[in-house]
């Protein structure tokens, strides 16, 4: 029997945002490279993938300062990253991952309650929902501004379930990174993992099940 995360008891699907619904990691990597250049730091894509993908900006700044012994404060690095993301989002939303819009609409049509639970900013989610006409399908959003401890802490998923009034046993999380997976598992959620090129080397062994794309998961477990 093929293992599945979505069962007859599942009523609610909790989607990660960066790397799961939007193809943003390449942009985040580019922006961090721009920030670090004046400090003489060259950030390799492999280090970004291993240490930073799927991690909130605040922790990214701490990790970068410690790893490279950067003279700037972590707060200065964090603020500059937020400013660069805001400037990017003023021009356009992040591009969607392949089949993201189709997945959201199909899951909604099947009667599932949908939420977005992200370690990223609420602004980024808002731009996605408005830019691609997806707002009507999403019942709630939990972003980094809404919690004290973001992923990999379980607080963001716990808050989403509290806002929706559902138990973990009725929910499935959809993630792409080790840190997001750790957050979901700590919140006692079953978790589908759909790794990207940036997170393919992450330890994803705690996942309930893994798929190569949103479309593969949708066709295997939802439709």
N, C-alpha and C. Protein backbone atom coordinates (compact mmCIF):
# COMPACT_ATOMS: atom_id res chain seq x y z
N UNK A 1 0.85 -1.20 0.00
CA UNK A 1 0.00 0.00 0.00
C UNK A 1 0.89 1.25 0.00
N UNK A 2 0.58 2.21 -0.87
CA UNK A 2 1.33 3.44 -0.97
C UNK A 2 0.98 4.35 0.20
N UNK A 3 1.99 4.85 0.89
CA UNK A 3 1.77 5.74 2.03
C UNK A 3 1.27 7.09 1.56
N UNK A 4 0.27 7.64 2.28
CA UNK A 4 -0.26 8.95 1.96
C UNK A 4 -0.41 9.77 3.23
N UNK A 5 -0.36 11.09 3.08
CA UNK A 5 -0.55 11.98 4.21
C UNK A 5 -2.01 12.40 4.34
N UNK A 6 -2.65 12.67 3.20
CA UNK A 6 -4.04 13.10 3.19
C UNK A 6 -4.94 11.87 3.28
N UNK A 7 -5.76 11.82 4.33
CA UNK A 7 -6.65 10.69 4.56
C UNK A 7 -8.10 11.18 4.63
N UNK A 8 -9.00 10.25 4.90
CA UNK A 8 -10.42 10.60 5.02
C UNK A 8 -10.66 11.55 6.19
N UNK A 9 -9.75 11.56 7.16
CA UNK A 9 -9.91 12.43 8.33
C UNK A 9 -9.38 13.84 8.10
N UNK A 10 -8.72 14.06 6.98
CA UNK A 10 -8.09 15.36 6.73
C UNK A 10 -9.12 16.38 6.25
N UNK A 11 -9.18 17.52 6.95
CA UNK A 11 -10.10 18.59 6.56
C UNK A 11 -9.36 19.86 6.15
N UNK A 12 -8.08 19.96 6.57
CA UNK A 12 -7.37 21.23 6.47
C UNK A 12 -5.96 21.01 5.93
N UNK A 13 -5.57 21.84 4.97
CA UNK A 13 -4.24 21.78 4.37
C UNK A 13 -3.50 23.07 4.67
N UNK A 14 -2.32 22.94 5.26
CA UNK A 14 -1.53 24.08 5.71
C UNK A 14 -0.30 24.20 4.83
N UNK A 15 -0.30 25.16 3.93
CA UNK A 15 0.76 25.31 2.95
C UNK A 15 1.85 26.28 3.44
N UNK A 16 3.10 25.84 3.34
CA UNK A 16 4.22 26.76 3.42
C UNK A 16 4.15 27.69 2.20
N UNK A 17 4.90 28.77 2.22
CA UNK A 17 4.85 29.76 1.14
C UNK A 17 6.12 29.71 0.29
N UNK A 18 7.24 30.21 0.84
CA UNK A 18 8.50 30.24 0.08
C UNK A 18 8.98 28.84 -0.27
N UNK A 19 9.16 28.59 -1.55
CA UNK A 19 9.66 27.30 -2.00
C UNK A 19 8.59 26.25 -2.18
N UNK A 20 7.42 26.48 -1.60
CA UNK A 20 6.30 25.55 -1.75
C UNK A 20 5.27 26.09 -2.72
N UNK A 21 4.81 27.32 -2.48
CA UNK A 21 3.86 27.96 -3.38
C UNK A 21 4.54 28.99 -4.30
N UNK A 22 5.60 29.61 -3.81
CA UNK A 22 6.28 30.61 -4.64
C UNK A 22 7.75 30.22 -4.85
N UNK A 23 8.25 30.57 -6.02
CA UNK A 23 9.64 30.25 -6.39
C UNK A 23 10.51 31.44 -6.02
N UNK A 24 10.79 31.56 -4.73
CA UNK A 24 11.42 32.77 -4.21
C UNK A 24 12.87 32.58 -3.77
N UNK A 25 13.31 31.35 -3.56
CA UNK A 25 14.63 31.14 -2.96
C UNK A 25 15.75 31.72 -3.82
N UNK A 26 15.64 31.63 -5.14
CA UNK A 26 16.68 32.19 -6.01
C UNK A 26 16.77 33.70 -5.84
N UNK A 27 15.63 34.35 -5.66
CA UNK A 27 15.61 35.80 -5.45
C UNK A 27 16.23 36.14 -4.09
N UNK A 28 15.85 35.38 -3.06
CA UNK A 28 16.41 35.62 -1.73
C UNK A 28 17.93 35.45 -1.74
N UNK A 29 18.40 34.44 -2.43
CA UNK A 29 19.85 34.22 -2.53
C UNK A 29 20.53 35.41 -3.20
N UNK A 30 19.96 35.89 -4.29
CA UNK A 30 20.53 37.04 -5.02
C UNK A 30 20.57 38.28 -4.12
N UNK A 31 19.51 38.51 -3.38
CA UNK A 31 19.46 39.70 -2.52
C UNK A 31 20.48 39.61 -1.39
N UNK A 32 20.64 38.43 -0.82
CA UNK A 32 21.66 38.27 0.23
C UNK A 32 23.06 38.49 -0.33
N UNK A 33 23.29 38.02 -1.53
CA UNK A 33 24.60 38.23 -2.16
C UNK A 33 24.89 39.72 -2.31
N UNK A 34 23.88 40.49 -2.71
CA UNK A 34 24.04 41.93 -2.86
C UNK A 34 24.34 42.60 -1.52
N UNK A 35 23.68 42.14 -0.47
CA UNK A 35 23.88 42.72 0.86
C UNK A 35 25.29 42.44 1.37
N UNK A 36 25.80 41.25 1.11
CA UNK A 36 27.09 40.82 1.66
C UNK A 36 28.29 41.35 0.87
N UNK A 37 28.06 41.74 -0.37
CA UNK A 37 29.16 42.16 -1.23
C UNK A 37 30.01 43.29 -0.62
N UNK A 38 29.42 44.34 -0.04
CA UNK A 38 30.24 45.42 0.53
C UNK A 38 31.12 44.97 1.70
N UNK A 39 30.80 43.81 2.28
CA UNK A 39 31.59 43.30 3.40
C UNK A 39 32.65 42.30 2.92
N UNK A 40 32.80 42.19 1.60
CA UNK A 40 33.79 41.28 1.05
C UNK A 40 33.45 39.82 1.21
N UNK A 41 32.16 39.54 1.38
CA UNK A 41 31.72 38.16 1.60
C UNK A 41 31.08 37.61 0.33
N UNK A 42 31.53 36.45 -0.08
CA UNK A 42 30.94 35.75 -1.21
C UNK A 42 30.14 34.57 -0.69
N UNK A 43 28.84 34.64 -0.85
CA UNK A 43 27.94 33.60 -0.35
C UNK A 43 27.72 32.57 -1.45
N UNK A 44 28.17 31.36 -1.22
CA UNK A 44 27.98 30.31 -2.21
C UNK A 44 26.53 29.82 -2.19
N UNK A 45 26.06 29.36 -3.32
CA UNK A 45 24.70 28.84 -3.39
C UNK A 45 24.55 27.60 -2.52
N UNK A 46 25.60 26.79 -2.43
CA UNK A 46 25.51 25.58 -1.61
C UNK A 46 25.36 25.92 -0.13
N UNK A 47 26.09 26.94 0.35
CA UNK A 47 25.96 27.34 1.74
C UNK A 47 24.58 27.93 1.99
N UNK A 48 24.10 28.74 1.04
CA UNK A 48 22.75 29.29 1.19
C UNK A 48 21.73 28.17 1.32
N UNK A 49 21.83 27.17 0.47
CA UNK A 49 20.87 26.06 0.49
C UNK A 49 20.94 25.29 1.80
N UNK A 50 22.14 25.04 2.27
CA UNK A 50 22.32 24.23 3.48
C UNK A 50 21.96 24.97 4.75
N UNK A 51 22.28 26.26 4.81
CA UNK A 51 22.17 27.00 6.06
C UNK A 51 20.99 27.97 6.12
N UNK A 52 20.51 28.45 4.96
CA UNK A 52 19.60 29.59 4.98
C UNK A 52 18.23 29.34 4.36
N UNK A 53 18.12 28.43 3.41
CA UNK A 53 16.84 28.21 2.72
C UNK A 53 15.78 27.75 3.71
N UNK A 54 14.65 28.46 3.69
CA UNK A 54 13.54 28.11 4.56
C UNK A 54 13.64 28.65 5.97
N UNK A 55 14.68 29.43 6.25
CA UNK A 55 14.92 29.97 7.59
C UNK A 55 14.52 31.45 7.61
N UNK A 56 13.82 31.92 8.65
CA UNK A 56 13.44 33.34 8.71
C UNK A 56 14.63 34.28 8.63
N UNK A 57 14.38 35.49 8.14
CA UNK A 57 15.44 36.47 7.91
C UNK A 57 16.23 36.78 9.18
N UNK A 58 15.54 36.89 10.30
CA UNK A 58 16.22 37.21 11.56
C UNK A 58 17.31 36.18 11.85
N UNK A 59 16.99 34.91 11.70
CA UNK A 59 17.98 33.86 11.96
C UNK A 59 19.05 33.84 10.87
N UNK A 60 18.65 34.11 9.62
CA UNK A 60 19.63 34.22 8.53
C UNK A 60 20.72 35.23 8.90
N UNK A 61 20.29 36.38 9.40
CA UNK A 61 21.23 37.45 9.74
C UNK A 61 22.19 37.01 10.84
N UNK A 62 21.65 36.32 11.84
CA UNK A 62 22.49 35.82 12.93
C UNK A 62 23.51 34.81 12.41
N UNK A 63 23.03 33.88 11.58
CA UNK A 63 23.91 32.84 11.05
C UNK A 63 25.01 33.42 10.17
N UNK A 64 24.64 34.40 9.34
CA UNK A 64 25.63 35.01 8.45
C UNK A 64 26.70 35.77 9.23
N UNK A 65 26.27 36.54 10.22
CA UNK A 65 27.24 37.30 11.01
C UNK A 65 28.21 36.36 11.72
N UNK A 66 27.67 35.28 12.28
CA UNK A 66 28.53 34.34 13.00
C UNK A 66 29.45 33.57 12.06
N UNK A 67 28.92 33.17 10.92
CA UNK A 67 29.70 32.34 10.00
C UNK A 67 30.84 33.12 9.34
N UNK A 68 30.54 34.36 8.95
CA UNK A 68 31.52 35.16 8.22
C UNK A 68 32.19 36.24 9.07
N UNK A 69 31.79 36.34 10.35
CA UNK A 69 32.34 37.36 11.25
C UNK A 69 32.20 38.76 10.63
N UNK A 70 30.97 39.07 10.20
CA UNK A 70 30.67 40.35 9.55
C UNK A 70 30.63 41.47 10.58
N UNK A 71 31.15 42.62 10.20
CA UNK A 71 31.23 43.75 11.14
C UNK A 71 29.86 44.36 11.43
N UNK A 72 28.94 44.28 10.49
CA UNK A 72 27.61 44.87 10.68
C UNK A 72 26.83 44.10 11.75
N UNK A 73 25.90 44.79 12.39
CA UNK A 73 25.06 44.12 13.39
C UNK A 73 24.05 43.21 12.70
N UNK A 74 23.55 42.24 13.42
CA UNK A 74 22.53 41.36 12.86
C UNK A 74 21.27 42.15 12.51
N UNK A 75 20.96 43.16 13.32
CA UNK A 75 19.77 43.97 13.04
C UNK A 75 19.94 44.74 11.74
N UNK A 76 21.15 45.27 11.48
CA UNK A 76 21.39 45.99 10.23
C UNK A 76 21.24 45.07 9.03
N UNK A 77 21.76 43.86 9.13
CA UNK A 77 21.63 42.89 8.04
C UNK A 77 20.16 42.52 7.82
N UNK A 78 19.47 42.28 8.90
CA UNK A 78 18.06 41.93 8.83
C UNK A 78 17.24 43.04 8.19
N UNK A 79 17.47 44.28 8.63
CA UNK A 79 16.71 45.41 8.09
C UNK A 79 16.98 45.62 6.61
N UNK A 80 18.24 45.48 6.20
CA UNK A 80 18.56 45.66 4.79
C UNK A 80 17.89 44.59 3.93
N UNK A 81 17.84 43.37 4.45
CA UNK A 81 17.17 42.31 3.69
C UNK A 81 15.68 42.61 3.54
N UNK A 82 15.04 43.03 4.62
CA UNK A 82 13.61 43.38 4.54
C UNK A 82 13.38 44.51 3.54
N UNK A 83 14.26 45.49 3.54
CA UNK A 83 14.12 46.62 2.61
C UNK A 83 14.24 46.16 1.16
N UNK A 84 15.16 45.27 0.91
CA UNK A 84 15.34 44.78 -0.46
C UNK A 84 14.15 43.93 -0.91
N UNK A 85 13.61 43.13 -0.02
CA UNK A 85 12.44 42.32 -0.37
C UNK A 85 11.24 43.23 -0.63
N UNK A 86 11.05 44.23 0.21
CA UNK A 86 9.94 45.16 0.01
C UNK A 86 10.06 45.89 -1.32
N UNK A 87 11.28 46.29 -1.68
CA UNK A 87 11.49 46.96 -2.97
C UNK A 87 11.16 46.02 -4.12
N UNK A 88 11.56 44.75 -3.99
CA UNK A 88 11.23 43.76 -5.03
C UNK A 88 9.71 43.59 -5.16
N UNK A 89 9.03 43.48 -4.02
CA UNK A 89 7.59 43.21 -4.02
C UNK A 89 6.77 44.41 -4.47
N UNK A 90 7.34 45.61 -4.42
CA UNK A 90 6.64 46.78 -4.95
C UNK A 90 6.49 46.69 -6.46
N UNK A 91 7.39 45.96 -7.08
CA UNK A 91 7.38 45.82 -8.54
C UNK A 91 6.58 44.62 -9.01
N UNK A 92 6.58 43.53 -8.24
CA UNK A 92 5.90 42.30 -8.65
C UNK A 92 5.88 41.31 -7.49
N UNK A 93 4.92 40.38 -7.51
CA UNK A 93 4.98 39.30 -6.53
C UNK A 93 6.06 38.30 -6.95
N UNK A 94 6.46 37.45 -6.02
CA UNK A 94 7.35 36.37 -6.40
C UNK A 94 6.64 35.46 -7.40
N UNK A 95 7.38 34.85 -8.33
CA UNK A 95 6.73 33.91 -9.25
C UNK A 95 6.21 32.69 -8.51
N UNK A 96 5.12 32.13 -9.01
CA UNK A 96 4.57 30.92 -8.42
C UNK A 96 5.40 29.70 -8.78
N UNK A 97 5.39 28.72 -7.89
CA UNK A 97 5.94 27.42 -8.23
C UNK A 97 5.03 26.76 -9.27
N UNK A 98 5.58 25.88 -10.09
CA UNK A 98 4.74 25.20 -11.08
C UNK A 98 3.55 24.51 -10.42
N UNK A 99 2.37 24.77 -10.98
CA UNK A 99 1.10 24.14 -10.57
C UNK A 99 0.59 24.64 -9.22
N UNK A 100 1.16 25.72 -8.70
CA UNK A 100 0.72 26.21 -7.39
C UNK A 100 -0.73 26.71 -7.42
N UNK A 101 -1.07 27.55 -8.39
CA UNK A 101 -2.43 28.08 -8.46
C UNK A 101 -3.43 26.96 -8.70
N UNK A 102 -3.09 26.05 -9.58
CA UNK A 102 -3.99 24.92 -9.87
C UNK A 102 -4.20 24.06 -8.62
N UNK A 103 -3.14 23.88 -7.85
CA UNK A 103 -3.23 23.08 -6.63
C UNK A 103 -4.14 23.73 -5.60
N UNK A 104 -3.95 25.03 -5.38
CA UNK A 104 -4.79 25.74 -4.43
C UNK A 104 -6.27 25.67 -4.83
N UNK A 105 -6.54 25.93 -6.08
CA UNK A 105 -7.94 25.92 -6.54
C UNK A 105 -8.54 24.53 -6.46
N UNK A 106 -7.80 23.50 -6.84
CA UNK A 106 -8.31 22.14 -6.82
C UNK A 106 -8.57 21.67 -5.39
N UNK A 107 -7.67 22.01 -4.46
CA UNK A 107 -7.86 21.61 -3.07
C UNK A 107 -9.09 22.30 -2.48
N UNK A 108 -9.28 23.57 -2.81
CA UNK A 108 -10.46 24.30 -2.35
C UNK A 108 -11.73 23.68 -2.91
N UNK A 109 -11.72 23.34 -4.18
CA UNK A 109 -12.88 22.73 -4.82
C UNK A 109 -13.23 21.37 -4.21
N UNK A 110 -12.22 20.68 -3.69
CA UNK A 110 -12.44 19.39 -3.04
C UNK A 110 -12.97 19.55 -1.61
N UNK A 111 -13.10 20.79 -1.15
CA UNK A 111 -13.70 21.04 0.15
C UNK A 111 -12.76 21.21 1.31
N UNK A 112 -11.45 21.26 1.03
CA UNK A 112 -10.48 21.44 2.11
C UNK A 112 -10.40 22.90 2.53
N UNK A 113 -10.22 23.13 3.82
CA UNK A 113 -9.89 24.46 4.32
C UNK A 113 -8.40 24.66 4.11
N UNK A 114 -8.03 25.82 3.58
CA UNK A 114 -6.63 26.08 3.23
C UNK A 114 -6.08 27.25 4.02
N UNK A 115 -4.82 27.11 4.44
CA UNK A 115 -4.12 28.19 5.12
C UNK A 115 -2.69 28.26 4.60
N UNK A 116 -2.08 29.42 4.78
CA UNK A 116 -0.66 29.59 4.48
C UNK A 116 0.06 29.86 5.79
N UNK A 117 1.09 29.07 6.05
CA UNK A 117 1.88 29.17 7.28
C UNK A 117 3.33 29.35 6.87
N UNK A 118 3.86 30.55 7.09
CA UNK A 118 5.16 30.88 6.53
C UNK A 118 6.10 31.50 7.55
N UNK A 119 7.39 31.26 7.34
CA UNK A 119 8.41 31.96 8.10
C UNK A 119 8.79 33.27 7.44
N UNK A 120 8.16 33.57 6.30
CA UNK A 120 8.38 34.81 5.58
C UNK A 120 7.40 35.89 6.00
N UNK A 121 7.44 36.99 5.28
CA UNK A 121 6.64 38.16 5.66
C UNK A 121 5.20 38.06 5.19
N UNK A 122 4.33 38.76 5.90
CA UNK A 122 2.92 38.84 5.50
C UNK A 122 2.79 39.60 4.19
N UNK A 123 3.66 40.59 3.97
CA UNK A 123 3.63 41.34 2.72
C UNK A 123 3.82 40.42 1.52
N UNK A 124 4.74 39.50 1.62
CA UNK A 124 4.99 38.57 0.52
C UNK A 124 3.77 37.73 0.22
N UNK A 125 3.10 37.24 1.27
CA UNK A 125 1.89 36.44 1.08
C UNK A 125 0.78 37.28 0.47
N UNK A 126 0.62 38.49 0.97
CA UNK A 126 -0.42 39.38 0.44
C UNK A 126 -0.22 39.64 -1.05
N UNK A 127 1.02 39.86 -1.44
CA UNK A 127 1.31 40.09 -2.86
C UNK A 127 0.98 38.85 -3.69
N UNK A 128 1.24 37.67 -3.16
CA UNK A 128 0.90 36.44 -3.86
C UNK A 128 -0.61 36.30 -4.02
N UNK A 129 -1.33 36.50 -2.93
CA UNK A 129 -2.78 36.31 -2.96
C UNK A 129 -3.45 37.30 -3.91
N UNK A 130 -3.03 38.56 -3.86
CA UNK A 130 -3.63 39.58 -4.72
C UNK A 130 -3.13 39.48 -6.15
N UNK A 131 -1.83 39.23 -6.30
CA UNK A 131 -1.24 39.21 -7.64
C UNK A 131 -1.72 38.06 -8.50
N UNK A 132 -2.09 36.95 -7.87
CA UNK A 132 -2.50 35.78 -8.65
C UNK A 132 -3.96 35.39 -8.41
N UNK A 133 -4.73 36.27 -7.75
CA UNK A 133 -6.15 36.03 -7.57
C UNK A 133 -6.47 34.82 -6.72
N UNK A 134 -5.72 34.62 -5.63
CA UNK A 134 -5.89 33.42 -4.80
C UNK A 134 -6.49 33.71 -3.43
N UNK A 135 -6.80 34.97 -3.15
CA UNK A 135 -7.24 35.34 -1.81
C UNK A 135 -8.50 34.59 -1.38
N UNK A 136 -9.43 34.40 -2.27
CA UNK A 136 -10.71 33.78 -1.90
C UNK A 136 -10.56 32.32 -1.45
N UNK A 137 -9.44 31.70 -1.75
CA UNK A 137 -9.26 30.28 -1.43
C UNK A 137 -8.59 30.05 -0.09
N UNK A 138 -8.01 31.09 0.50
CA UNK A 138 -7.20 30.94 1.71
C UNK A 138 -7.96 31.47 2.93
N UNK A 139 -8.15 30.60 3.92
CA UNK A 139 -8.94 30.97 5.09
C UNK A 139 -8.15 31.76 6.12
N UNK A 140 -6.86 31.50 6.25
CA UNK A 140 -6.06 32.26 7.20
C UNK A 140 -4.59 32.23 6.78
N UNK A 141 -3.86 33.21 7.26
CA UNK A 141 -2.42 33.32 7.01
C UNK A 141 -1.71 33.53 8.33
N UNK A 142 -0.66 32.78 8.57
CA UNK A 142 0.24 33.02 9.70
C UNK A 142 1.62 33.29 9.12
N UNK A 143 2.16 34.47 9.40
CA UNK A 143 3.46 34.87 8.88
C UNK A 143 4.41 35.16 10.05
N UNK A 144 5.63 35.52 9.70
CA UNK A 144 6.66 35.68 10.74
C UNK A 144 6.28 36.76 11.74
N UNK A 145 5.53 37.78 11.31
CA UNK A 145 5.14 38.87 12.21
C UNK A 145 4.14 38.41 13.28
N UNK A 146 3.50 37.28 13.05
CA UNK A 146 2.41 36.83 13.93
C UNK A 146 2.88 35.99 15.12
N UNK A 147 4.15 35.62 15.14
CA UNK A 147 4.63 34.70 16.17
C UNK A 147 5.88 35.25 16.85
N UNK A 148 6.15 34.72 18.01
CA UNK A 148 7.38 35.06 18.74
C UNK A 148 8.55 34.22 18.24
N UNK A 149 8.25 32.94 17.94
CA UNK A 149 9.27 32.00 17.49
C UNK A 149 8.80 31.37 16.18
N UNK A 150 9.48 31.68 15.11
CA UNK A 150 9.08 31.16 13.80
C UNK A 150 9.70 29.78 13.58
N UNK A 151 9.47 29.23 12.40
CA UNK A 151 10.00 27.91 12.07
C UNK A 151 11.52 27.89 12.28
N UNK A 152 12.08 26.81 12.81
CA UNK A 152 11.51 25.47 12.99
C UNK A 152 10.70 25.25 14.25
N UNK A 153 10.46 26.29 15.05
CA UNK A 153 9.57 26.17 16.20
C UNK A 153 8.15 25.87 15.70
N UNK A 154 7.35 25.13 16.45
CA UNK A 154 5.99 24.80 16.00
C UNK A 154 4.95 25.90 16.17
N UNK A 155 5.35 27.05 16.75
CA UNK A 155 4.36 28.07 17.10
C UNK A 155 3.49 28.51 15.93
N UNK A 156 4.07 28.69 14.75
CA UNK A 156 3.29 29.19 13.61
C UNK A 156 2.20 28.19 13.21
N UNK A 157 2.53 26.92 13.20
CA UNK A 157 1.50 25.92 12.88
C UNK A 157 0.47 25.81 13.98
N UNK A 158 0.89 25.90 15.22
CA UNK A 158 -0.05 25.85 16.33
C UNK A 158 -1.02 27.02 16.28
N UNK A 159 -0.51 28.21 15.93
CA UNK A 159 -1.37 29.38 15.83
C UNK A 159 -2.37 29.22 14.69
N UNK A 160 -1.93 28.69 13.56
CA UNK A 160 -2.84 28.48 12.43
C UNK A 160 -3.98 27.54 12.82
N UNK A 161 -3.65 26.46 13.51
CA UNK A 161 -4.70 25.52 13.93
C UNK A 161 -5.64 26.16 14.94
N UNK A 162 -5.09 26.98 15.83
CA UNK A 162 -5.92 27.68 16.80
C UNK A 162 -6.88 28.64 16.10
N UNK A 163 -6.38 29.39 15.13
CA UNK A 163 -7.23 30.34 14.40
C UNK A 163 -8.33 29.63 13.63
N UNK A 164 -8.02 28.44 13.11
CA UNK A 164 -9.00 27.69 12.32
C UNK A 164 -9.89 26.79 13.17
N UNK A 165 -9.52 26.58 14.43
CA UNK A 165 -10.32 25.74 15.31
C UNK A 165 -10.26 24.27 14.94
N UNK A 166 -9.08 23.80 14.52
CA UNK A 166 -8.93 22.40 14.12
C UNK A 166 -7.80 21.74 14.89
N UNK A 167 -7.90 20.41 15.01
CA UNK A 167 -6.85 19.64 15.68
C UNK A 167 -5.80 19.20 14.67
N UNK A 168 -4.62 18.90 15.18
CA UNK A 168 -3.53 18.45 14.31
C UNK A 168 -3.91 17.20 13.52
N UNK A 169 -4.72 16.35 14.11
CA UNK A 169 -5.11 15.09 13.45
C UNK A 169 -5.93 15.32 12.19
N UNK A 170 -6.50 16.53 12.05
CA UNK A 170 -7.32 16.84 10.88
C UNK A 170 -6.55 17.63 9.82
N UNK A 171 -5.26 17.88 10.09
CA UNK A 171 -4.48 18.75 9.22
C UNK A 171 -3.30 18.02 8.59
N UNK A 172 -2.88 18.53 7.44
CA UNK A 172 -1.64 18.10 6.79
C UNK A 172 -0.88 19.35 6.38
N UNK A 173 0.41 19.37 6.68
CA UNK A 173 1.28 20.46 6.26
C UNK A 173 1.97 20.09 4.96
N UNK A 174 2.22 21.10 4.12
CA UNK A 174 2.95 20.91 2.87
C UNK A 174 4.16 21.82 2.91
N UNK A 175 5.35 21.24 2.89
CA UNK A 175 6.60 21.97 3.10
C UNK A 175 7.64 21.60 2.05
N UNK A 176 8.74 22.37 2.02
CA UNK A 176 9.84 22.06 1.10
C UNK A 176 11.19 22.00 1.77
N UNK A 177 11.29 22.40 3.06
CA UNK A 177 12.58 22.46 3.72
C UNK A 177 12.61 21.63 5.00
N UNK A 178 13.81 21.33 5.46
CA UNK A 178 14.00 20.63 6.73
C UNK A 178 13.44 21.45 7.88
N UNK A 179 13.66 22.76 7.86
CA UNK A 179 13.22 23.61 8.97
C UNK A 179 11.69 23.67 9.03
N UNK A 180 11.04 23.76 7.89
CA UNK A 180 9.59 23.74 7.87
C UNK A 180 9.05 22.39 8.31
N UNK A 181 9.69 21.32 7.86
CA UNK A 181 9.29 19.97 8.27
C UNK A 181 9.41 19.81 9.78
N UNK A 182 10.51 20.29 10.36
CA UNK A 182 10.70 20.20 11.80
C UNK A 182 9.59 20.94 12.54
N UNK A 183 9.19 22.10 12.02
CA UNK A 183 8.12 22.88 12.62
C UNK A 183 6.81 22.11 12.60
N UNK A 184 6.49 21.52 11.45
CA UNK A 184 5.24 20.76 11.31
C UNK A 184 5.22 19.54 12.22
N UNK A 185 6.31 18.79 12.24
CA UNK A 185 6.37 17.59 13.06
C UNK A 185 6.27 17.94 14.55
N UNK A 186 6.93 19.03 14.94
CA UNK A 186 6.85 19.45 16.34
C UNK A 186 5.44 19.87 16.74
N UNK A 187 4.64 20.29 15.74
CA UNK A 187 3.24 20.64 15.98
C UNK A 187 2.33 19.42 15.85
N UNK A 188 2.95 18.22 15.72
CA UNK A 188 2.25 16.94 15.64
C UNK A 188 1.43 16.79 14.36
N UNK A 189 1.94 17.37 13.29
CA UNK A 189 1.26 17.31 12.00
C UNK A 189 1.90 16.26 11.09
N UNK A 190 1.07 15.59 10.31
CA UNK A 190 1.60 14.86 9.16
C UNK A 190 2.09 15.89 8.16
N UNK A 191 3.15 15.57 7.44
CA UNK A 191 3.75 16.57 6.56
C UNK A 191 4.17 15.97 5.23
N UNK A 192 3.65 16.55 4.15
CA UNK A 192 4.09 16.26 2.80
C UNK A 192 5.28 17.16 2.50
N UNK A 193 6.34 16.59 1.98
CA UNK A 193 7.50 17.40 1.61
C UNK A 193 7.71 17.33 0.10
N UNK A 194 7.86 18.51 -0.50
CA UNK A 194 8.13 18.62 -1.94
C UNK A 194 9.42 19.43 -2.07
N UNK A 195 10.57 18.77 -2.03
CA UNK A 195 11.84 19.50 -2.04
C UNK A 195 12.09 20.21 -3.36
N UNK A 196 12.83 21.31 -3.28
CA UNK A 196 13.25 22.05 -4.46
C UNK A 196 14.72 21.78 -4.72
N UNK A 197 15.25 22.39 -5.77
CA UNK A 197 16.68 22.25 -6.05
C UNK A 197 17.50 22.79 -4.89
N UNK A 198 16.97 23.81 -4.19
CA UNK A 198 17.70 24.42 -3.08
C UNK A 198 17.64 23.58 -1.81
N UNK A 199 16.65 22.70 -1.69
CA UNK A 199 16.47 21.94 -0.44
C UNK A 199 16.61 20.43 -0.64
N UNK A 200 17.05 20.03 -1.81
CA UNK A 200 17.16 18.59 -2.11
C UNK A 200 18.12 17.87 -1.17
N UNK A 201 19.11 18.59 -0.63
CA UNK A 201 20.08 17.98 0.27
C UNK A 201 19.69 18.08 1.75
N UNK A 202 18.55 18.67 2.03
CA UNK A 202 18.09 18.74 3.41
C UNK A 202 17.72 17.36 3.93
N UNK A 203 17.81 17.17 5.24
CA UNK A 203 17.38 15.93 5.87
C UNK A 203 15.87 15.97 6.01
N UNK A 204 15.17 15.23 5.15
CA UNK A 204 13.71 15.26 5.11
C UNK A 204 13.12 13.92 5.56
N UNK A 205 13.89 13.19 6.35
CA UNK A 205 13.48 11.86 6.75
C UNK A 205 12.25 11.81 7.64
N UNK A 206 11.90 12.92 8.30
CA UNK A 206 10.73 12.94 9.17
C UNK A 206 9.42 13.12 8.42
N UNK A 207 9.48 13.36 7.11
CA UNK A 207 8.26 13.58 6.32
C UNK A 207 7.37 12.34 6.31
N UNK A 208 6.07 12.58 6.31
CA UNK A 208 5.13 11.48 6.14
C UNK A 208 5.29 10.86 4.76
N UNK A 209 5.46 11.73 3.78
CA UNK A 209 5.64 11.29 2.39
C UNK A 209 6.28 12.42 1.61
N UNK A 210 6.99 12.09 0.53
CA UNK A 210 7.67 13.09 -0.29
C UNK A 210 7.26 12.92 -1.74
N UNK A 211 7.13 14.06 -2.45
CA UNK A 211 6.77 14.04 -3.87
C UNK A 211 7.72 14.96 -4.63
N UNK A 212 7.78 14.76 -5.94
CA UNK A 212 8.66 15.56 -6.77
C UNK A 212 8.10 16.90 -7.18
N UNK A 213 6.78 17.07 -7.06
CA UNK A 213 6.15 18.33 -7.45
C UNK A 213 4.77 18.44 -6.82
N UNK A 214 4.24 19.65 -6.81
CA UNK A 214 2.87 19.86 -6.33
C UNK A 214 1.88 19.05 -7.15
N UNK A 215 2.09 19.01 -8.45
CA UNK A 215 1.17 18.28 -9.32
C UNK A 215 1.15 16.79 -8.97
N UNK A 216 2.32 16.22 -8.74
CA UNK A 216 2.38 14.80 -8.39
C UNK A 216 1.63 14.53 -7.08
N UNK A 217 1.84 15.40 -6.08
CA UNK A 217 1.13 15.23 -4.82
C UNK A 217 -0.38 15.39 -5.00
N UNK A 218 -0.78 16.41 -5.72
CA UNK A 218 -2.20 16.67 -5.93
C UNK A 218 -2.88 15.47 -6.59
N UNK A 219 -2.27 14.96 -7.62
CA UNK A 219 -2.87 13.84 -8.35
C UNK A 219 -2.87 12.55 -7.53
N UNK A 220 -1.86 12.39 -6.67
CA UNK A 220 -1.75 11.17 -5.89
C UNK A 220 -2.64 11.15 -4.65
N UNK A 221 -2.86 12.32 -4.04
CA UNK A 221 -3.52 12.33 -2.74
C UNK A 221 -4.82 13.13 -2.66
N UNK A 222 -5.07 14.01 -3.60
CA UNK A 222 -6.21 14.92 -3.46
C UNK A 222 -7.29 14.67 -4.52
N UNK A 223 -6.89 14.55 -5.75
CA UNK A 223 -7.87 14.41 -6.83
C UNK A 223 -8.47 13.00 -6.89
